[in-house]
Amino acid sequence: MLPGATVAEAERVAERIRARLNAREILVAQNKTLRISGSLGVSGAKEEGNYDFELLQSVADGRLYRAKQSGRNRVCAHD
């Protein structure tokens, strides 16, 4: 949640989070690392014209699944 942020601003924050996740390697065993990625969906109250949390969560969730279906490791902030 980013109170007062536009969808474009929230998308930039989500992209920074995605990039930081993707840049990390996790040591899982001696000489063995694992890289993780993140798919994120973004929505905004101003965009939807509605401040209902459940609606905003549903929109973001739909965009999250769109990001996953589009190849994962990405941010989706638009339909």
PDB file of N, CA and C in Angstrom:
ATOM      1  N   MET A   1       0.846  -1.169   0.000  1.00  0.00           N
ATOM      2  CA  MET A   1       0.000   0.000   0.000  1.00  0.00           C
ATOM      3  C   MET A   1       0.890   1.230   0.000  1.00  0.00           C
ATOM      4  N   LEU A   2       0.559   2.147  -0.899  1.00  0.00           N
ATOM      5  CA  LEU A   2       1.309   3.395  -1.019  1.00  0.00           C
ATOM      6  C   LEU A   2       0.307   4.553  -1.053  1.00  0.00           C
ATOM      7  N   PRO A   3      -0.143   5.002   0.117  1.00  0.00           N
ATOM      8  CA  PRO A   3      -1.137   6.076   0.170  1.00  0.00           C
ATOM      9  C   PRO A   3      -0.680   7.313  -0.602  1.00  0.00           C
ATOM     10  N   GLY A   4      -1.567   7.823  -1.441  1.00  0.00           N
ATOM     11  CA  GLY A   4      -1.292   9.039  -2.192  1.00  0.00           C
ATOM     12  C   GLY A   4      -0.511   8.832  -3.480  1.00  0.00           C
ATOM     13  N   ALA A   5      -0.033   7.626  -3.715  1.00  0.00           N
ATOM     14  CA  ALA A   5       0.754   7.356  -4.921  1.00  0.00           C
ATOM     15  C   ALA A   5      -0.166   7.116  -6.115  1.00  0.00           C
ATOM     16  N   THR A   6       0.282   7.546  -7.274  1.00  0.00           N
ATOM     17  CA  THR A   6      -0.439   7.229  -8.501  1.00  0.00           C
ATOM     18  C   THR A   6      -0.090   5.801  -8.904  1.00  0.00           C
ATOM     19  N   VAL A   7      -0.823   5.257  -9.865  1.00  0.00           N
ATOM     20  CA  VAL A   7      -0.522   3.916 -10.352  1.00  0.00           C
ATOM     21  C   VAL A   7       0.883   3.896 -10.966  1.00  0.00           C
ATOM     22  N   ALA A   8       1.250   4.951 -11.680  1.00  0.00           N
ATOM     23  CA  ALA A   8       2.589   5.013 -12.285  1.00  0.00           C
ATOM     24  C   ALA A   8       3.676   5.005 -11.213  1.00  0.00           C
ATOM     25  N   GLU A   9       3.465   5.741 -10.132  1.00  0.00           N
ATOM     26  CA  GLU A   9       4.443   5.747  -9.034  1.00  0.00           C
ATOM     27  C   GLU A   9       4.515   4.384  -8.362  1.00  0.00           C
ATOM     28  N   ALA A  10       3.364   3.764  -8.136  1.00  0.00           N
ATOM     29  CA  ALA A  10       3.336   2.435  -7.522  1.00  0.00           C
ATOM     30  C   ALA A  10       3.981   1.402  -8.438  1.00  0.00           C
ATOM     31  N   GLU A  11       3.793   1.555  -9.734  1.00  0.00           N
ATOM     32  CA  GLU A  11       4.420   0.643 -10.688  1.00  0.00           C
ATOM     33  C   GLU A  11       5.944   0.750 -10.621  1.00  0.00           C
ATOM     34  N   ARG A  12       6.461   1.962 -10.483  1.00  0.00           N
ATOM     35  CA  ARG A  12       7.920   2.145 -10.365  1.00  0.00           C
ATOM     36  C   ARG A  12       8.450   1.504  -9.077  1.00  0.00           C
ATOM     37  N   VAL A  13       7.715   1.646  -7.974  1.00  0.00           N
ATOM     38  CA  VAL A  13       8.123   1.018  -6.714  1.00  0.00           C
ATOM     39  C   VAL A  13       8.095  -0.504  -6.867  1.00  0.00           C
ATOM     40  N   ALA A  14       7.035  -1.031  -7.462  1.00  0.00           N
ATOM     41  CA  ALA A  14       6.930  -2.477  -7.671  1.00  0.00           C
ATOM     42  C   ALA A  14       8.061  -2.983  -8.553  1.00  0.00           C
ATOM     43  N   GLU A  15       8.423  -2.224  -9.569  1.00  0.00           N
ATOM     44  CA  GLU A  15       9.522  -2.624 -10.450  1.00  0.00           C
ATOM     45  C   GLU A  15      10.852  -2.646  -9.700  1.00  0.00           C
ATOM     46  N   ARG A  16      11.063  -1.683  -8.812  1.00  0.00           N
ATOM     47  CA  ARG A  16      12.287  -1.695  -8.006  1.00  0.00           C
ATOM     48  C   ARG A  16      12.325  -2.923  -7.097  1.00  0.00           C
ATOM     49  N   ILE A  17      11.187  -3.282  -6.506  1.00  0.00           N
ATOM     50  CA  ILE A  17      11.112  -4.473  -5.654  1.00  0.00           C
ATOM     51  C   ILE A  17      11.411  -5.717  -6.490  1.00  0.00           C
ATOM     52  N   ARG A  18      10.802  -5.821  -7.670  1.00  0.00           N
ATOM     53  CA  ARG A  18      11.014  -6.970  -8.548  1.00  0.00           C
ATOM     54  C   ARG A  18      12.480  -7.096  -8.928  1.00  0.00           C
ATOM     55  N   ALA A  19      13.107  -5.979  -9.306  1.00  0.00           N
ATOM     56  CA  ALA A  19      14.511  -5.995  -9.708  1.00  0.00           C
ATOM     57  C   ALA A  19      15.421  -6.396  -8.549  1.00  0.00           C
ATOM     58  N   ARG A  20      15.136  -5.910  -7.363  1.00  0.00           N
ATOM     59  CA  ARG A  20      15.964  -6.262  -6.197  1.00  0.00           C
ATOM     60  C   ARG A  20      15.840  -7.738  -5.851  1.00  0.00           C
ATOM     61  N   LEU A  21      14.631  -8.269  -5.938  1.00  0.00           N
ATOM     62  CA  LEU A  21      14.441  -9.706  -5.702  1.00  0.00           C
ATOM     63  C   LEU A  21      15.246 -10.512  -6.710  1.00  0.00           C
ATOM     64  N   ASN A  22      15.147 -10.127  -7.964  1.00  0.00           N
ATOM     65  CA  ASN A  22      15.806 -10.862  -9.039  1.00  0.00           C
ATOM     66  C   ASN A  22      17.329 -10.771  -8.961  1.00  0.00           C
ATOM     67  N   ALA A  23      17.847  -9.728  -8.354  1.00  0.00           N
ATOM     68  CA  ALA A  23      19.293  -9.541  -8.257  1.00  0.00           C
ATOM     69  C   ALA A  23      19.927 -10.364  -7.138  1.00  0.00           C
ATOM     70  N   ARG A  24      19.121 -10.917  -6.271  1.00  0.00           N
ATOM     71  CA  ARG A  24      19.633 -11.662  -5.116  1.00  0.00           C
ATOM     72  C   ARG A  24      19.840 -13.130  -5.446  1.00  0.00           C
ATOM     73  N   GLU A  25      20.858 -13.687  -4.835  1.00  0.00           N
ATOM     74  CA  GLU A  25      21.073 -15.128  -4.886  1.00  0.00           C
ATOM     75  C   GLU A  25      21.054 -15.643  -3.457  1.00  0.00           C
ATOM     76  N   ILE A  26      20.410 -16.776  -3.257  1.00  0.00           N
ATOM     77  CA  ILE A  26      20.299 -17.370  -1.934  1.00  0.00           C
ATOM     78  C   ILE A  26      21.159 -18.625  -1.911  1.00  0.00           C
ATOM     79  N   LEU A  27      22.046 -18.709  -0.933  1.00  0.00           N
ATOM     80  CA  LEU A  27      22.881 -19.890  -0.770  1.00  0.00           C
ATOM     81  C   LEU A  27      22.039 -20.981  -0.127  1.00  0.00           C
ATOM     82  N   VAL A  28      21.820 -22.082  -0.854  1.00  0.00           N
ATOM     83  CA  VAL A  28      20.991 -23.170  -0.331  1.00  0.00           C
ATOM     84  C   VAL A  28      21.812 -24.376   0.093  1.00  0.00           C
ATOM     85  N   ALA A  29      23.016 -24.474  -0.410  1.00  0.00           N
ATOM     86  CA  ALA A  29      23.946 -25.537  -0.029  1.00  0.00           C
ATOM     87  C   ALA A  29      25.340 -25.060  -0.428  1.00  0.00           C
ATOM     88  N   GLN A  30      26.330 -25.759   0.043  1.00  0.00           N
ATOM     89  CA  GLN A  30      27.698 -25.362  -0.296  1.00  0.00           C
ATOM     90  C   GLN A  30      27.851 -25.329  -1.823  1.00  0.00           C
ATOM     91  N   ASN A  31      28.258 -24.178  -2.336  1.00  0.00           N
ATOM     92  CA  ASN A  31      28.462 -23.969  -3.770  1.00  0.00           C
ATOM     93  C   ASN A  31      27.190 -24.079  -4.609  1.00  0.00           C
ATOM     94  N   LYS A  32      26.032 -23.933  -3.994  1.00  0.00           N
ATOM     95  CA  LYS A  32      24.784 -23.982  -4.743  1.00  0.00           C
ATOM     96  C   LYS A  32      23.910 -22.805  -4.336  1.00  0.00           C
ATOM     97  N   THR A  33      23.563 -21.976  -5.321  1.00  0.00           N
ATOM     98  CA  THR A  33      22.715 -20.822  -5.045  1.00  0.00           C
ATOM     99  C   THR A  33      21.414 -20.938  -5.813  1.00  0.00           C
ATOM    100  N   LEU A  34      20.465 -20.157  -5.373  1.00  0.00           N
ATOM    101  CA  LEU A  34      19.140 -20.132  -5.972  1.00  0.00           C
ATOM    102  C   LEU A  34      18.770 -18.674  -6.210  1.00  0.00           C
ATOM    103  N   ARG A  35      18.276 -18.372  -7.377  1.00  0.00           N
ATOM    104  CA  ARG A  35      17.818 -17.014  -7.682  1.00  0.00           C
ATOM    105  C   ARG A  35      16.289 -17.032  -7.696  1.00  0.00           C
ATOM    106  N   ILE A  36      15.681 -16.033  -7.074  1.00  0.00           N
ATOM    107  CA  ILE A  36      14.227 -15.947  -7.062  1.00  0.00           C
ATOM    108  C   ILE A  36      13.783 -14.772  -7.921  1.00  0.00           C
ATOM    109  N   SER A  37      12.528 -14.797  -8.300  1.00  0.00           N
ATOM    110  CA  SER A  37      11.957 -13.695  -9.067  1.00  0.00           C
ATOM    111  C   SER A  37      10.602 -13.359  -8.469  1.00  0.00           C
ATOM    112  N   GLY A  38      10.042 -12.273  -8.906  1.00  0.00           N
ATOM    113  CA  GLY A  38       8.741 -11.856  -8.393  1.00  0.00           C
ATOM    114  C   GLY A  38       7.855 -11.342  -9.503  1.00  0.00           C
ATOM    115  N   SER A  39       6.595 -11.680  -9.423  1.00  0.00           N
ATOM    116  CA  SER A  39       5.577 -11.126 -10.303  1.00  0.00           C
ATOM    117  C   SER A  39       4.656 -10.305  -9.418  1.00  0.00           C
ATOM    118  N   LEU A  40       4.358  -9.084  -9.846  1.00  0.00           N
ATOM    119  CA  LEU A  40       3.555  -8.199  -9.015  1.00  0.00           C
ATOM    120  C   LEU A  40       2.434  -7.570  -9.829  1.00  0.00           C
ATOM    121  N   GLY A  41       1.284  -7.403  -9.194  1.00  0.00           N
ATOM    122  CA  GLY A  41       0.151  -6.697  -9.779  1.00  0.00           C
ATOM    123  C   GLY A  41      -0.106  -5.425  -9.004  1.00  0.00           C
ATOM    124  N   VAL A  42      -0.408  -4.349  -9.723  1.00  0.00           N
ATOM    125  CA  VAL A  42      -0.590  -3.029  -9.108  1.00  0.00           C
ATOM    126  C   VAL A  42      -1.967  -2.485  -9.478  1.00  0.00           C
ATOM    127  N   SER A  43      -2.638  -1.878  -8.515  1.00  0.00           N
ATOM    128  CA  SER A  43      -3.896  -1.167  -8.776  1.00  0.00           C
ATOM    129  C   SER A  43      -3.878   0.127  -7.984  1.00  0.00           C
ATOM    130  N   GLY A  44      -4.809   1.010  -8.298  1.00  0.00           N
ATOM    131  CA  GLY A  44      -4.855   2.283  -7.590  1.00  0.00           C
ATOM    132  C   GLY A  44      -6.276   2.786  -7.422  1.00  0.00           C
ATOM    133  N   ALA A  45      -6.547   3.392  -6.280  1.00  0.00           N
ATOM    134  CA  ALA A  45      -7.885   3.896  -5.990  1.00  0.00           C
ATOM    135  C   ALA A  45      -8.290   5.005  -6.958  1.00  0.00           C
ATOM    136  N   LYS A  46      -7.361   5.881  -7.289  1.00  0.00           N
ATOM    137  CA  LYS A  46      -7.685   6.969  -8.205  1.00  0.00           C
ATOM    138  C   LYS A  46      -7.991   6.436  -9.599  1.00  0.00           C
ATOM    139  N   GLU A  47      -7.275   5.423 -10.010  1.00  0.00           N
ATOM    140  CA  GLU A  47      -7.484   4.809 -11.323  1.00  0.00           C
ATOM    141  C   GLU A  47      -8.881   4.200 -11.412  1.00  0.00           C
ATOM    142  N   GLU A  48      -9.284   3.481 -10.377  1.00  0.00           N
ATOM    143  CA  GLU A  48     -10.565   2.797 -10.365  1.00  0.00           C
ATOM    144  C   GLU A  48     -11.713   3.728  -9.962  1.00  0.00           C
ATOM    145  N   GLY A  49     -11.388   4.877  -9.360  1.00  0.00           N
ATOM    146  CA  GLY A  49     -12.428   5.770  -8.882  1.00  0.00           C
ATOM    147  C   GLY A  49     -13.185   5.182  -7.701  1.00  0.00           C
ATOM    148  N   ASN A  50     -12.528   4.257  -7.016  1.00  0.00           N
ATOM    149  CA  ASN A  50     -13.182   3.557  -5.923  1.00  0.00           C
ATOM    150  C   ASN A  50     -12.119   3.209  -4.884  1.00  0.00           C
ATOM    151  N   TYR A  51     -12.406   3.499  -3.634  1.00  0.00           N
ATOM    152  CA  TYR A  51     -11.448   3.243  -2.564  1.00  0.00           C
ATOM    153  C   TYR A  51     -11.757   1.966  -1.794  1.00  0.00           C
ATOM    154  N   ASP A  52     -12.595   1.091  -2.351  1.00  0.00           N
ATOM    155  CA  ASP A  52     -12.935  -0.168  -1.714  1.00  0.00           C
ATOM    156  C   ASP A  52     -11.732  -1.107  -1.779  1.00  0.00           C
ATOM    157  N   PHE A  53     -11.208  -1.486  -0.614  1.00  0.00           N
ATOM    158  CA  PHE A  53     -10.004  -2.300  -0.548  1.00  0.00           C
ATOM    159  C   PHE A  53     -10.157  -3.621  -1.291  1.00  0.00           C
ATOM    160  N   GLU A  54     -11.289  -4.286  -1.117  1.00  0.00           N
ATOM    161  CA  GLU A  54     -11.482  -5.584  -1.764  1.00  0.00           C
ATOM    162  C   GLU A  54     -11.474  -5.467  -3.286  1.00  0.00           C
ATOM    163  N   LEU A  55     -12.053  -4.403  -3.822  1.00  0.00           N
ATOM    164  CA  LEU A  55     -12.027  -4.186  -5.268  1.00  0.00           C
ATOM    165  C   LEU A  55     -10.600  -3.954  -5.744  1.00  0.00           C
ATOM    166  N   LEU A  56      -9.872  -3.098  -5.042  1.00  0.00           N
ATOM    167  CA  LEU A  56      -8.486  -2.806  -5.424  1.00  0.00           C
ATOM    168  C   LEU A  56      -7.622  -4.047  -5.342  1.00  0.00           C
ATOM    169  N   GLN A  57      -7.842  -4.852  -4.310  1.00  0.00           N
ATOM    170  CA  GLN A  57      -7.088  -6.095  -4.163  1.00  0.00           C
ATOM    171  C   GLN A  57      -7.419  -7.051  -5.309  1.00  0.00           C
ATOM    172  N   SER A  58      -8.671  -7.111  -5.697  1.00  0.00           N
ATOM    173  CA  SER A  58      -9.088  -7.983  -6.795  1.00  0.00           C
ATOM    174  C   SER A  58      -8.453  -7.551  -8.117  1.00  0.00           C
ATOM    175  N   VAL A  59      -8.410  -6.248  -8.372  1.00  0.00           N
ATOM    176  CA  VAL A  59      -7.787  -5.727  -9.591  1.00  0.00           C
ATOM    177  C   VAL A  59      -6.289  -6.063  -9.595  1.00  0.00           C
ATOM    178  N   ALA A  60      -5.616  -5.815  -8.475  1.00  0.00           N
ATOM    179  CA  ALA A  60      -4.181  -6.117  -8.372  1.00  0.00           C
ATOM    180  C   ALA A  60      -3.939  -7.611  -8.531  1.00  0.00           C
ATOM    181  N   ASP A  61      -4.806  -8.444  -7.972  1.00  0.00           N
ATOM    182  CA  ASP A  61      -4.665  -9.889  -8.077  1.00  0.00           C
ATOM    183  C   ASP A  61      -4.799 -10.342  -9.533  1.00  0.00           C
ATOM    184  N   GLY A  62      -5.761  -9.780 -10.251  1.00  0.00           N
ATOM    185  CA  GLY A  62      -5.915 -10.106 -11.670  1.00  0.00           C
ATOM    186  C   GLY A  62      -4.680  -9.727 -12.467  1.00  0.00           C
ATOM    187  N   ARG A  63      -4.100  -8.593 -12.142  1.00  0.00           N
ATOM    188  CA  ARG A  63      -2.889  -8.155 -12.829  1.00  0.00           C
ATOM    189  C   ARG A  63      -1.683  -9.017 -12.454  1.00  0.00           C
ATOM    190  N   LEU A  64      -1.655  -9.477 -11.210  1.00  0.00           N
ATOM    191  CA  LEU A  64      -0.598 -10.398 -10.795  1.00  0.00           C
ATOM    192  C   LEU A  64      -0.640 -11.655 -11.663  1.00  0.00           C
ATOM    193  N   TYR A  65      -1.832 -12.226 -11.844  1.00  0.00           N
ATOM    194  CA  TYR A  65      -1.942 -13.436 -12.661  1.00  0.00           C
ATOM    195  C   TYR A  65      -1.611 -13.150 -14.124  1.00  0.00           C
ATOM    196  N   ARG A  66      -1.947 -11.965 -14.614  1.00  0.00           N
ATOM    197  CA  ARG A  66      -1.573 -11.580 -15.976  1.00  0.00           C
ATOM    198  C   ARG A  66      -0.051 -11.519 -16.099  1.00  0.00           C
ATOM    199  N   ALA A  67       0.618 -10.989 -15.077  1.00  0.00           N
ATOM    200  CA  ALA A  67       2.085 -10.935 -15.085  1.00  0.00           C
ATOM    201  C   ALA A  67       2.668 -12.346 -15.124  1.00  0.00           C
ATOM    202  N   LYS A  68       2.099 -13.252 -14.358  1.00  0.00           N
ATOM    203  CA  LYS A  68       2.581 -14.634 -14.354  1.00  0.00           C
ATOM    204  C   LYS A  68       2.353 -15.302 -15.703  1.00  0.00           C
ATOM    205  N   GLN A  69       1.185 -15.085 -16.290  1.00  0.00           N
ATOM    206  CA  GLN A  69       0.864 -15.693 -17.576  1.00  0.00           C
ATOM    207  C   GLN A  69       1.697 -15.108 -18.714  1.00  0.00           C
ATOM    208  N   SER A  70       2.221 -13.908 -18.515  1.00  0.00           N
ATOM    209  CA  SER A  70       3.020 -13.238 -19.550  1.00  0.00           C
ATOM    210  C   SER A  70       4.496 -13.603 -19.463  1.00  0.00           C
ATOM    211  N   GLY A  71       4.842 -14.532 -18.601  1.00  0.00           N
ATOM    212  CA  GLY A  71       6.222 -14.981 -18.533  1.00  0.00           C
ATOM    213  C   GLY A  71       6.875 -14.851 -17.180  1.00  0.00           C
ATOM    214  N   ARG A  72       6.152 -14.386 -16.194  1.00  0.00           N
ATOM    215  CA  ARG A  72       6.681 -14.235 -14.827  1.00  0.00           C
ATOM    216  C   ARG A  72       7.777 -13.179 -14.743  1.00  0.00           C
ATOM    217  N   ASN A  73       8.181 -12.893 -13.513  1.00  0.00           N
ATOM    218  CA  ASN A  73       9.247 -11.927 -13.236  1.00  0.00           C
ATOM    219  C   ASN A  73       8.978 -10.584 -13.910  1.00  0.00           C
ATOM    220  N   ARG A  74       7.772 -10.061 -13.673  1.00  0.00           N
ATOM    221  CA  ARG A  74       7.403  -8.768 -14.242  1.00  0.00           C
ATOM    222  C   ARG A  74       6.341  -8.082 -13.393  1.00  0.00           C
ATOM    223  N   VAL A  75       6.106  -6.833 -13.687  1.00  0.00           N
ATOM    224  CA  VAL A  75       5.089  -6.031 -13.006  1.00  0.00           C
ATOM    225  C   VAL A  75       3.992  -5.730 -14.011  1.00  0.00           C
ATOM    226  N   CYS A  76       2.753  -5.894 -13.592  1.00  0.00           N
ATOM    227  CA  CYS A  76       1.613  -5.546 -14.448  1.00  0.00           C
ATOM    228  C   CYS A  76       0.766  -4.519 -13.703  1.00  0.00           C
ATOM    229  N   ALA A  77       0.629  -3.337 -14.305  1.00  0.00           N
ATOM    230  CA  ALA A  77      -0.119  -2.262 -13.660  1.00  0.00           C
ATOM    231  C   ALA A  77      -1.298  -1.776 -14.505  1.00  0.00           C
ATOM    232  N   HIS A  78      -1.522  -2.437 -15.627  1.00  0.00           N
ATOM    233  CA  HIS A  78      -2.595  -2.016 -16.549  1.00  0.00           C
ATOM    234  C   HIS A  78      -3.288  -3.238 -17.117  1.00  0.00           C
ATOM    235  N   ASP A  79      -4.535  -3.069 -17.479  1.00  0.00           N
ATOM    236  CA  ASP A  79      -5.278  -4.173 -18.119  1.00  0.00           C
ATOM    237  C   ASP A  79      -4.960  -4.254 -19.588  1.00  0.00           C
TER     238      ASP A  79
END
